[in-house]
PDB file of all heavy atoms in Angstrom:
ATOM      1  N   SER A   1     -24.999  15.954  11.186  1.00  0.00           N
ATOM      2  CA  SER A   1     -26.294  16.737  10.975  1.00  0.00           C
ATOM      3  C   SER A   1     -26.299  17.991  11.826  1.00  0.00           C
ATOM      4  O   SER A   1     -27.199  18.876  11.623  1.00  0.00           O
ATOM      5  CB  SER A   1     -27.503  15.868  11.256  1.00  0.00           C
ATOM      6  OG  SER A   1     -27.615  15.527  12.577  1.00  0.00           O
ATOM      7  N   SER A   2     -25.457  17.990  12.965  1.00  0.00           N
ATOM      8  CA  SER A   2     -25.508  19.090  13.874  1.00  0.00           C
ATOM      9  C   SER A   2     -24.215  19.521  14.382  1.00  0.00           C
ATOM     10  O   SER A   2     -24.143  20.591  15.027  1.00  0.00           O
ATOM     11  CB  SER A   2     -26.459  18.636  15.036  1.00  0.00           C
ATOM     12  OG  SER A   2     -25.936  17.555  15.678  1.00  0.00           O
ATOM     13  N   GLN A   3     -23.226  18.851  14.208  1.00  0.00           N
ATOM     14  CA  GLN A   3     -21.844  19.351  14.659  1.00  0.00           C
ATOM     15  C   GLN A   3     -20.720  18.617  13.924  1.00  0.00           C
ATOM     16  O   GLN A   3     -20.850  17.685  13.156  1.00  0.00           O
ATOM     17  CB  GLN A   3     -21.772  19.144  16.181  1.00  0.00           C
ATOM     18  CG  GLN A   3     -21.758  17.666  16.681  1.00  0.00           C
ATOM     19  CD  GLN A   3     -21.782  17.766  18.223  1.00  0.00           C
ATOM     20  OE1 GLN A   3     -22.843  17.699  18.778  1.00  0.00           O
ATOM     21  NE2 GLN A   3     -20.682  17.598  18.807  1.00  0.00           N
ATOM     22  N   ASN A   4     -19.552  19.164  14.429  1.00  0.00           N
ATOM     23  CA  ASN A   4     -18.322  18.643  13.763  1.00  0.00           C
ATOM     24  C   ASN A   4     -17.841  17.350  14.348  1.00  0.00           C
ATOM     25  O   ASN A   4     -18.124  16.946  15.570  1.00  0.00           O
ATOM     26  CB  ASN A   4     -17.168  19.724  13.846  1.00  0.00           C
ATOM     27  CG  ASN A   4     -17.513  20.970  13.167  1.00  0.00           C
ATOM     28  OD1 ASN A   4     -18.252  21.052  12.236  1.00  0.00           O
ATOM     29  ND2 ASN A   4     -17.001  22.111  13.646  1.00  0.00           N
ATOM     30  N   VAL A   5     -16.891  16.604  13.499  1.00  0.00           N
ATOM     31  CA  VAL A   5     -16.360  15.354  13.861  1.00  0.00           C
ATOM     32  C   VAL A   5     -14.870  15.354  13.673  1.00  0.00           C
ATOM     33  O   VAL A   5     -14.414  15.792  12.625  1.00  0.00           O
ATOM     34  CB  VAL A   5     -17.166  14.181  13.195  1.00  0.00           C
ATOM     35  CG1 VAL A   5     -16.379  12.881  13.520  1.00  0.00           C
ATOM     36  CG2 VAL A   5     -18.547  14.217  13.416  1.00  0.00           C
ATOM     37  N   VAL A   6     -14.115  14.794  14.576  1.00  0.00           N
ATOM     38  CA  VAL A   6     -12.688  14.615  14.440  1.00  0.00           C
ATOM     39  C   VAL A   6     -12.408  13.118  14.482  1.00  0.00           C
ATOM     40  O   VAL A   6     -12.801  12.346  15.274  1.00  0.00           O
ATOM     41  CB  VAL A   6     -11.826  15.202  15.573  1.00  0.00           C
ATOM     42  CG1 VAL A   6     -10.399  14.844  15.529  1.00  0.00           C
ATOM     43  CG2 VAL A   6     -11.935  16.718  15.564  1.00  0.00           C
ATOM     44  N   ILE A   7     -11.751  12.598  13.366  1.00  0.00           N
ATOM     45  CA  ILE A   7     -11.506  11.212  13.040  1.00  0.00           C
ATOM     46  C   ILE A   7      -9.978  11.076  13.244  1.00  0.00           C
ATOM     47  O   ILE A   7      -9.220  11.535  12.390  1.00  0.00           O
ATOM     48  CB  ILE A   7     -12.112  10.625  11.854  1.00  0.00           C
ATOM     49  CG1 ILE A   7     -13.577  10.971  11.630  1.00  0.00           C
ATOM     50  CG2 ILE A   7     -11.846   9.205  11.651  1.00  0.00           C
ATOM     51  CD1 ILE A   7     -14.202  10.405  10.404  1.00  0.00           C
ATOM     52  N   VAL A   8      -9.600  10.028  14.147  1.00  0.00           N
ATOM     53  CA  VAL A   8      -8.181   9.697  14.219  1.00  0.00           C
ATOM     54  C   VAL A   8      -8.055   8.492  13.353  1.00  0.00           C
ATOM     55  O   VAL A   8      -8.757   7.556  13.527  1.00  0.00           O
ATOM     56  CB  VAL A   8      -7.834   9.450  15.826  1.00  0.00           C
ATOM     57  CG1 VAL A   8      -6.398   8.898  15.752  1.00  0.00           C
ATOM     58  CG2 VAL A   8      -8.166  10.728  16.577  1.00  0.00           C
ATOM     59  N   CYS A   9      -6.958   8.488  12.513  1.00  0.00           N
ATOM     60  CA  CYS A   9      -6.816   7.554  11.449  1.00  0.00           C
ATOM     61  C   CYS A   9      -5.374   6.898  11.736  1.00  0.00           C
ATOM     62  O   CYS A   9      -4.357   7.638  11.875  1.00  0.00           O
ATOM     63  CB  CYS A   9      -6.800   8.019   9.994  1.00  0.00           C
ATOM     64  SG  CYS A   9      -8.230   9.086   9.697  1.00  0.00           S
ATOM     65  N   HIS A  10      -5.237   5.675  11.566  1.00  0.00           N
ATOM     66  CA  HIS A  10      -4.006   4.835  11.811  1.00  0.00           C
ATOM     67  C   HIS A  10      -2.959   5.252  10.906  1.00  0.00           C
ATOM     68  O   HIS A  10      -1.712   5.376  11.256  1.00  0.00           O
ATOM     69  CB  HIS A  10      -4.276   3.350  11.725  1.00  0.00           C
ATOM     70  CG  HIS A  10      -3.102   2.501  11.907  1.00  0.00           C
ATOM     71  ND1 HIS A  10      -2.394   2.493  13.119  1.00  0.00           N
ATOM     72  CD2 HIS A  10      -2.535   1.604  11.120  1.00  0.00           C
ATOM     73  CE1 HIS A  10      -1.523   1.575  13.037  1.00  0.00           C
ATOM     74  NE2 HIS A  10      -1.424   1.054  11.797  1.00  0.00           N
ATOM     75  N   ASN A  11      -3.301   5.725   9.628  1.00  0.00           N
ATOM     76  CA  ASN A  11      -2.407   6.136   8.639  1.00  0.00           C
ATOM     77  C   ASN A  11      -3.068   6.760   7.513  1.00  0.00           C
ATOM     78  O   ASN A  11      -4.331   6.905   7.583  1.00  0.00           O
ATOM     79  CB  ASN A  11      -1.447   5.020   8.054  1.00  0.00           C
ATOM     80  CG  ASN A  11      -2.328   3.761   7.613  1.00  0.00           C
ATOM     81  OD1 ASN A  11      -3.303   3.895   7.020  1.00  0.00           O
ATOM     82  ND2 ASN A  11      -1.807   2.478   7.775  1.00  0.00           N
ATOM     83  N   LEU A  12      -2.310   7.302   6.530  1.00  0.00           N
ATOM     84  CA  LEU A  12      -2.939   8.032   5.280  1.00  0.00           C
ATOM     85  C   LEU A  12      -3.862   7.138   4.559  1.00  0.00           C
ATOM     86  O   LEU A  12      -4.950   7.494   4.088  1.00  0.00           O
ATOM     87  CB  LEU A  12      -1.860   8.659   4.504  1.00  0.00           C
ATOM     88  CG  LEU A  12      -1.184   9.858   5.178  1.00  0.00           C
ATOM     89  CD1 LEU A  12      -0.071  10.248   4.190  1.00  0.00           C
ATOM     90  CD2 LEU A  12      -2.186  10.981   5.352  1.00  0.00           C
ATOM     91  N   ALA A  13      -3.491   5.777   4.479  1.00  0.00           N
ATOM     92  CA  ALA A  13      -4.416   4.848   3.665  1.00  0.00           C
ATOM     93  C   ALA A  13      -5.761   4.664   4.419  1.00  0.00           C
ATOM     94  O   ALA A  13      -6.657   4.595   3.650  1.00  0.00           O
ATOM     95  CB  ALA A  13      -3.597   3.539   3.529  1.00  0.00           C
ATOM     96  N   VAL A  14      -5.635   4.641   5.667  1.00  0.00           N
ATOM     97  CA  VAL A  14      -6.965   4.552   6.438  1.00  0.00           C
ATOM     98  C   VAL A  14      -7.868   5.908   6.194  1.00  0.00           C
ATOM     99  O   VAL A  14      -8.972   5.777   5.950  1.00  0.00           O
ATOM    100  CB  VAL A  14      -6.737   4.268   7.882  1.00  0.00           C
ATOM    101  CG1 VAL A  14      -8.113   4.290   8.651  1.00  0.00           C
ATOM    102  CG2 VAL A  14      -6.093   2.814   8.052  1.00  0.00           C
ATOM    103  N   GLN A  15      -7.172   6.954   6.361  1.00  0.00           N
ATOM    104  CA  GLN A  15      -7.881   8.148   6.034  1.00  0.00           C
ATOM    105  C   GLN A  15      -8.563   8.126   4.623  1.00  0.00           C
ATOM    106  O   GLN A  15      -9.693   8.595   4.431  1.00  0.00           O
ATOM    107  CB  GLN A  15      -6.937   9.420   6.051  1.00  0.00           C
ATOM    108  CG  GLN A  15      -7.598  10.787   5.886  1.00  0.00           C
ATOM    109  CD  GLN A  15      -6.725  12.047   5.905  1.00  0.00           C
ATOM    110  OE1 GLN A  15      -5.699  11.944   6.519  1.00  0.00           O
ATOM    111  NE2 GLN A  15      -7.181  13.050   5.333  1.00  0.00           N
ATOM    112  N   HIS A  16      -7.708   7.805   3.570  1.00  0.00           N
ATOM    113  CA  HIS A  16      -8.272   7.721   2.294  1.00  0.00           C
ATOM    114  C   HIS A  16      -9.410   6.827   2.174  1.00  0.00           C
ATOM    115  O   HIS A  16     -10.455   7.073   1.553  1.00  0.00           O
ATOM    116  CB  HIS A  16      -7.147   7.289   1.275  1.00  0.00           C
ATOM    117  CG  HIS A  16      -7.622   7.281  -0.200  1.00  0.00           C
ATOM    118  ND1 HIS A  16      -8.036   8.220  -0.885  1.00  0.00           N
ATOM    119  CD2 HIS A  16      -7.836   6.166  -0.984  1.00  0.00           C
ATOM    120  CE1 HIS A  16      -8.306   7.847  -2.062  1.00  0.00           C
ATOM    121  NE2 HIS A  16      -8.246   6.556  -2.171  1.00  0.00           N
ATOM    122  N   HIS A  17      -9.354   5.626   2.825  1.00  0.00           N
ATOM    123  CA  HIS A  17     -10.397   4.653   2.897  1.00  0.00           C
ATOM    124  C   HIS A  17     -11.675   5.321   3.389  1.00  0.00           C
ATOM    125  O   HIS A  17     -12.954   5.014   2.887  1.00  0.00           O
ATOM    126  CB  HIS A  17      -9.976   3.415   3.542  1.00  0.00           C
ATOM    127  CG  HIS A  17     -11.061   2.537   3.981  1.00  0.00           C
ATOM    128  ND1 HIS A  17     -11.914   1.727   2.972  1.00  0.00           N
ATOM    129  CD2 HIS A  17     -11.682   2.225   5.183  1.00  0.00           C
ATOM    130  CE1 HIS A  17     -12.702   1.064   3.698  1.00  0.00           C
ATOM    131  NE2 HIS A  17     -12.610   1.380   5.020  1.00  0.00           N
ATOM    132  N   ILE A  18     -11.538   5.947   4.549  1.00  0.00           N
ATOM    133  CA  ILE A  18     -12.651   6.592   5.226  1.00  0.00           C
ATOM    134  C   ILE A  18     -13.314   7.567   4.430  1.00  0.00           C
ATOM    135  O   ILE A  18     -14.592   7.683   4.284  1.00  0.00           O
ATOM    136  CB  ILE A  18     -12.195   7.226   6.540  1.00  0.00           C
ATOM    137  CG1 ILE A  18     -11.627   6.148   7.575  1.00  0.00           C
ATOM    138  CG2 ILE A  18     -13.371   7.936   7.224  1.00  0.00           C
ATOM    139  CD1 ILE A  18     -11.096   6.828   8.827  1.00  0.00           C
ATOM    140  N   THR A  19     -12.411   8.442   3.684  1.00  0.00           N
ATOM    141  CA  THR A  19     -13.034   9.433   2.793  1.00  0.00           C
ATOM    142  C   THR A  19     -13.905   8.846   1.713  1.00  0.00           C
ATOM    143  O   THR A  19     -14.997   9.317   1.439  1.00  0.00           O
ATOM    144  CB  THR A  19     -11.928  10.346   2.125  1.00  0.00           C
ATOM    145  OG1 THR A  19     -11.116  10.818   3.311  1.00  0.00           O
ATOM    146  CG2 THR A  19     -12.267  11.441   1.302  1.00  0.00           C
ATOM    147  N   GLU A  20     -13.394   7.820   1.075  1.00  0.00           N
ATOM    148  CA  GLU A  20     -14.185   7.047   0.136  1.00  0.00           C
ATOM    149  C   GLU A  20     -15.474   6.440   0.562  1.00  0.00           C
ATOM    150  O   GLU A  20     -16.443   6.547  -0.032  1.00  0.00           O
ATOM    151  CB  GLU A  20     -13.255   6.055  -0.704  1.00  0.00           C
ATOM    152  CG  GLU A  20     -12.170   6.589  -1.440  1.00  0.00           C
ATOM    153  CD  GLU A  20     -11.495   5.471  -2.256  1.00  0.00           C
ATOM    154  OE1 GLU A  20     -11.497   4.350  -1.797  1.00  0.00           O
ATOM    155  OE2 GLU A  20     -10.964   5.732  -3.435  1.00  0.00           O
ATOM    156  N   LEU A  21     -15.344   5.888   1.827  1.00  0.00           N
ATOM    157  CA  LEU A  21     -16.442   5.227   2.446  1.00  0.00           C
ATOM    158  C   LEU A  21     -17.538   6.216   2.702  1.00  0.00           C
ATOM    159  O   LEU A  21     -18.719   6.044   2.445  1.00  0.00           O
ATOM    160  CB  LEU A  21     -16.001   4.541   3.752  1.00  0.00           C
ATOM    161  CG  LEU A  21     -16.971   3.634   4.427  1.00  0.00           C
ATOM    162  CD1 LEU A  21     -17.437   2.350   3.645  1.00  0.00           C
ATOM    163  CD2 LEU A  21     -16.307   3.084   5.705  1.00  0.00           C
ATOM    164  N   LEU A  22     -17.214   7.409   3.262  1.00  0.00           N
ATOM    165  CA  LEU A  22     -18.213   8.381   3.562  1.00  0.00           C
ATOM    166  C   LEU A  22     -18.873   8.935   2.307  1.00  0.00           C
ATOM    167  O   LEU A  22     -20.156   9.266   2.307  1.00  0.00           O
ATOM    168  CB  LEU A  22     -17.607   9.509   4.412  1.00  0.00           C
ATOM    169  CG  LEU A  22     -17.078   9.010   5.772  1.00  0.00           C
ATOM    170  CD1 LEU A  22     -16.398  10.217   6.477  1.00  0.00           C
ATOM    171  CD2 LEU A  22     -18.095   8.394   6.649  1.00  0.00           C
ATOM    172  N   ALA A  23     -17.999   9.153   1.278  1.00  0.00           N
ATOM    173  CA  ALA A  23     -18.527   9.569  -0.012  1.00  0.00           C
ATOM    174  C   ALA A  23     -19.538   8.712  -0.590  1.00  0.00           C
ATOM    175  O   ALA A  23     -20.565   9.087  -1.250  1.00  0.00           O
ATOM    176  CB  ALA A  23     -17.445   9.912  -0.885  1.00  0.00           C
ATOM    177  N   ALA A  24     -19.212   7.351  -0.495  1.00  0.00           N
ATOM    178  CA  ALA A  24     -20.090   6.333  -1.078  1.00  0.00           C
ATOM    179  C   ALA A  24     -21.461   6.269  -0.355  1.00  0.00           C
ATOM    180  O   ALA A  24     -22.345   5.935  -0.898  1.00  0.00           O
ATOM    181  CB  ALA A  24     -19.379   5.067  -1.052  1.00  0.00           C
ATOM    182  N   ASN A  25     -21.355   6.794   0.928  1.00  0.00           N
ATOM    183  CA  ASN A  25     -22.537   6.797   1.724  1.00  0.00           C
ATOM    184  C   ASN A  25     -23.214   8.180   1.666  1.00  0.00           C
ATOM    185  O   ASN A  25     -24.050   8.369   2.570  1.00  0.00           O
ATOM    186  CB  ASN A  25     -22.351   6.296   3.074  1.00  0.00           C
ATOM    187  CG  ASN A  25     -22.154   4.768   3.208  1.00  0.00           C
ATOM    188  OD1 ASN A  25     -23.215   4.053   3.329  1.00  0.00           O
ATOM    189  ND2 ASN A  25     -21.018   4.347   3.107  1.00  0.00           N
ATOM    190  N   GLN A  26     -22.779   9.155   0.788  1.00  0.00           N
ATOM    191  CA  GLN A  26     -23.275  10.384   0.592  1.00  0.00           C
ATOM    192  C   GLN A  26     -23.326  11.214   1.958  1.00  0.00           C
ATOM    193  O   GLN A  26     -24.278  11.834   2.114  1.00  0.00           O
ATOM    194  CB  GLN A  26     -24.712  10.327   0.036  1.00  0.00           C
ATOM    195  CG  GLN A  26     -24.685   9.676  -1.312  1.00  0.00           C
ATOM    196  CD  GLN A  26     -26.060   9.473  -1.957  1.00  0.00           C
ATOM    197  OE1 GLN A  26     -27.024   9.297  -1.199  1.00  0.00           O
ATOM    198  NE2 GLN A  26     -26.235   9.758  -3.252  1.00  0.00           N
ATOM    199  N   ILE A  27     -22.254  11.149   2.697  1.00  0.00           N
ATOM    200  CA  ILE A  27     -22.034  11.907   3.904  1.00  0.00           C
ATOM    201  C   ILE A  27     -21.219  13.065   3.580  1.00  0.00           C
ATOM    202  O   ILE A  27     -20.160  12.969   3.089  1.00  0.00           O
ATOM    203  CB  ILE A  27     -21.437  10.943   4.989  1.00  0.00           C
ATOM    204  CG1 ILE A  27     -22.532   9.954   5.399  1.00  0.00           C
ATOM    205  CG2 ILE A  27     -21.148  11.788   6.234  1.00  0.00           C
ATOM    206  CD1 ILE A  27     -22.010   8.978   6.408  1.00  0.00           C
ATOM    207  N   ASP A  28     -21.716  14.307   3.926  1.00  0.00           N
ATOM    208  CA  ASP A  28     -20.956  15.471   3.743  1.00  0.00           C
ATOM    209  C   ASP A  28     -19.791  15.532   4.555  1.00  0.00           C
ATOM    210  O   ASP A  28     -19.700  15.432   5.829  1.00  0.00           O
ATOM    211  CB  ASP A  28     -21.821  16.705   4.101  1.00  0.00           C
ATOM    212  CG  ASP A  28     -21.215  18.074   3.930  1.00  0.00           C
ATOM    213  OD1 ASP A  28     -20.133  18.147   3.360  1.00  0.00           O
ATOM    214  OD2 ASP A  28     -21.846  19.121   4.415  1.00  0.00           O
ATOM    215  N   GLY A  29     -18.520  15.726   3.933  1.00  0.00           N
ATOM    216  CA  GLY A  29     -17.314  15.601   4.686  1.00  0.00           C
ATOM    217  C   GLY A  29     -16.858  17.068   5.241  1.00  0.00           C
ATOM    218  O   GLY A  29     -15.817  17.060   5.839  1.00  0.00           O
ATOM    219  N   SER A  30     -17.681  18.068   4.898  1.00  0.00           N
ATOM    220  CA  SER A  30     -17.209  19.386   5.289  1.00  0.00           C
ATOM    221  C   SER A  30     -17.118  19.729   6.793  1.00  0.00           C
ATOM    222  O   SER A  30     -16.423  20.483   7.313  1.00  0.00           O
ATOM    223  CB  SER A  30     -18.169  20.453   4.664  1.00  0.00           C
ATOM    224  OG  SER A  30     -19.395  20.415   5.273  1.00  0.00           O
ATOM    225  N   ARG A  31     -17.706  18.776   7.633  1.00  0.00           N
ATOM    226  CA  ARG A  31     -17.562  18.911   9.055  1.00  0.00           C
ATOM    227  C   ARG A  31     -16.725  17.883   9.612  1.00  0.00           C
ATOM    228  O   ARG A  31     -16.715  17.714  10.948  1.00  0.00           O
ATOM    229  CB  ARG A  31     -19.154  18.757   9.627  1.00  0.00           C
ATOM    230  CG  ARG A  31     -19.944  19.978   9.462  1.00  0.00           C
ATOM    231  CD  ARG A  31     -21.201  19.840  10.111  1.00  0.00           C
ATOM    232  NE  ARG A  31     -21.748  21.211  10.704  1.00  0.00           N
ATOM    233  CZ  ARG A  31     -22.923  21.303  11.228  1.00  0.00           C
ATOM    234  NH1 ARG A  31     -23.797  20.339  11.442  1.00  0.00           N
ATOM    235  NH2 ARG A  31     -23.343  22.555  11.517  1.00  0.00           N
ATOM    236  N   ILE A  32     -15.842  17.279   8.937  1.00  0.00           N
ATOM    237  CA  ILE A  32     -14.918  16.211   9.406  1.00  0.00           C
ATOM    238  C   ILE A  32     -13.665  16.760   9.248  1.00  0.00           C
ATOM    239  O   ILE A  32     -13.152  17.191   8.212  1.00  0.00           O
ATOM    240  CB  ILE A  32     -15.266  14.986   8.611  1.00  0.00           C
ATOM    241  CG1 ILE A  32     -16.672  14.484   8.880  1.00  0.00           C
ATOM    242  CG2 ILE A  32     -14.176  13.987   9.044  1.00  0.00           C
ATOM    243  CD1 ILE A  32     -17.059  13.314   8.077  1.00  0.00           C
ATOM    244  N   GLN A  33     -12.776  16.570  10.348  1.00  0.00           N
ATOM    245  CA  GLN A  33     -11.278  16.739  10.266  1.00  0.00           C
ATOM    246  C   GLN A  33     -10.631  15.565  10.635  1.00  0.00           C
ATOM    247  O   GLN A  33     -11.141  14.679  11.352  1.00  0.00           O
ATOM    248  CB  GLN A  33     -10.960  17.773  11.338  1.00  0.00           C
ATOM    249  CG  GLN A  33     -11.423  19.164  10.894  1.00  0.00           C
ATOM    250  CD  GLN A  33     -11.270  20.272  12.065  1.00  0.00           C
ATOM    251  OE1 GLN A  33     -12.124  20.470  12.907  1.00  0.00           O
ATOM    252  NE2 GLN A  33     -10.092  20.745  12.035  1.00  0.00           N
ATOM    253  N   PHE A  34      -9.404  15.249  10.099  1.00  0.00           N
ATOM    254  CA  PHE A  34      -8.738  14.083  10.326  1.00  0.00           C
ATOM    255  C   PHE A  34      -7.411  14.267  11.030  1.00  0.00           C
ATOM    256  O   PHE A  34      -6.742  15.308  10.888  1.00  0.00           O
ATOM    257  CB  PHE A  34      -8.281  13.342   9.034  1.00  0.00           C
ATOM    258  CG  PHE A  34      -9.560  12.814   8.205  1.00  0.00           C
ATOM    259  CD1 PHE A  34     -10.205  13.540   7.163  1.00  0.00           C
ATOM    260  CD2 PHE A  34     -10.062  11.575   8.560  1.00  0.00           C
ATOM    261  CE1 PHE A  34     -11.259  13.058   6.464  1.00  0.00           C
ATOM    262  CE2 PHE A  34     -11.170  11.188   7.880  1.00  0.00           C
ATOM    263  CZ  PHE A  34     -11.702  11.800   6.811  1.00  0.00           C
ATOM    264  N   VAL A  35      -7.067  13.368  12.071  1.00  0.00           N
ATOM    265  CA  VAL A  35      -5.722  13.372  12.686  1.00  0.00           C
ATOM    266  C   VAL A  35      -5.140  12.050  12.261  1.00  0.00           C
ATOM    267  O   VAL A  35      -5.825  11.024  12.451  1.00  0.00           O
ATOM    268  CB  VAL A  35      -5.892  13.486  14.176  1.00  0.00           C
ATOM    269  CG1 VAL A  35      -4.556  13.376  14.900  1.00  0.00           C
ATOM    270  CG2 VAL A  35      -6.424  14.906  14.435  1.00  0.00           C
ATOM    271  N   VAL A  36      -3.952  12.040  11.792  1.00  0.00           N
ATOM    272  CA  VAL A  36      -3.257  10.748  11.397  1.00  0.00           C
ATOM    273  C   VAL A  36      -2.120  10.507  12.278  1.00  0.00           C
ATOM    274  O   VAL A  36      -1.234  11.196  12.602  1.00  0.00           O
ATOM    275  CB  VAL A  36      -2.729  10.970   9.965  1.00  0.00           C
ATOM    276  CG1 VAL A  36      -2.031   9.638   9.479  1.00  0.00           C
ATOM    277  CG2 VAL A  36      -3.848  11.307   8.965  1.00  0.00           C
TER     278      VAL A  36
END
């Protein structure tokens, strides 16, 4: 709601899972960056 987030993911499958989870909860992903 007010700043960016960096999410460290164990692997690409976890990143995909997070992306789906956030979308399902209607969370805007434009402020999120991933590190795998």
